[in-house]
Amino acid sequence: MSEILDRLQPLRAKIDHLDKEIIDLLNTRVESVLEIGKIKSEKQLPYYHPEREKAILNKLKEYNGGKFPNHAIDTIFREIISASRSLEKNLRVAFLGPKGSYSHLACLRQFGSSVEVEPMASISDVFKEVENEKVDYGVVPVENSYGGVVAHTLDLFVDSPLKIYSERFLQISHCLMSQLENIKDIKKIYSHAQSFAQCRLWLENQLPNVEKIEASSNSKAASLVEWDKYSAAIASEIAGELYGLNILVKNIQDASENITRFLVISKDTCEPSGEDKTSLICSINDETGTLLKILAPFQKREINLTKIESRPTRKRAWDYLFFIDAEAHITETPLKEAIEEVKKICLNVQILGSYPKGSVPD
């Protein structure tokens, strides 16, 4: 045993020394952050810059030539950036609640844990909080690879002055959680109806005779389990942590690629990052071939369109708006030219914002 300790001791001493160096460097980093914060305050600039944060994370991965995993760089430096930013300003972020929801998780993944989060009862409430400047930013779901577009989010943009400031793709991982340690002891399961549907095959195979009780949200389901010993919930991992439940099984959803896209909404506009999207709304005339005419200017300039979604105007029957996502920043000449052409065809073109393109989870 002493021989093992003799070998471990110098290695542990080296780690202790490196840890101290890391702390010293973090404090040196913070000094520069605070100086930047003063400049932002003087010039009334936004404290959160998603394009800058994306550039930092991409550079760090390029620097990494060792064995440290790149995905961990994202996690660690997101928290370093979040903690440093909180010394400049304590950001407040509204999201579609309650706490423990996937919107809450998307909020933390995007901003880190050093922000003040405000759960809202509806997507409309998130928009209102940002519009009224009660919070700095909002996080709302816009589409899911399994369930499609969140129509209410798109509709709210039509009459809102807010811009899309960033986006976050989140892998939806449904977990079975309980106070119990053994899955065989579960007598009933709480969850939202949508989650029951997304986990239907797994439940039929693993817990076919267990009573299923619908809850208003997965977070609510987790809160009910806290008081019901022989029950379980289907919810996010963060909900399990929030209510002190054991995660019995992870990833019980039937579709392995269940991904939700979330938008960060703001009154601010975002600078180019080099890998950007621009979202816009086109109001069209009810004429044959109008949509084809709208798409032609983008095709001519080889601008990739990642999304085209139609929504009724709600003003006149059979009148539609088109929501379009283009892979370019509004400051880039080809996109500016394409939009100028589109304006001549459409009744109205509304730019929803340019922002860094998010990464879809592997």
Foldseek 3Di string as FASTA:
>chain_A
DVVVCVVVVVVVVVVVVVVVVVVVVLVVVLVVLQVVLVVCVVVVHDLDALLVVVVVLVVVVVVDPDDPDSVVSLVVVLQSSLVSSVVSPAFEEEEADDPQAVRNVQVCSRRNDRHHYHHDPDPVVRLVCQQVVVGAKYKYWAAKPVPGGPVVVVLVLVPGLKFFAAKAKDADKKFKWAQDQDPVQAQAEEAAPVQCVQLVVLCCVPPVRHHYDYDPHQLVRLQVRLVPHRHIYIGDPSSCVVSVIDGRDMRSGPDRRIMIMMTMMHNDAHDDNPWKKWKKKFFADPDPPLVVQLCVLCVVLVWDKPDWDWDAPVPDPPGIMIIIMTGDACPDPSNVVSVVSNCVGTPDMGIRHMYHDYDHDD
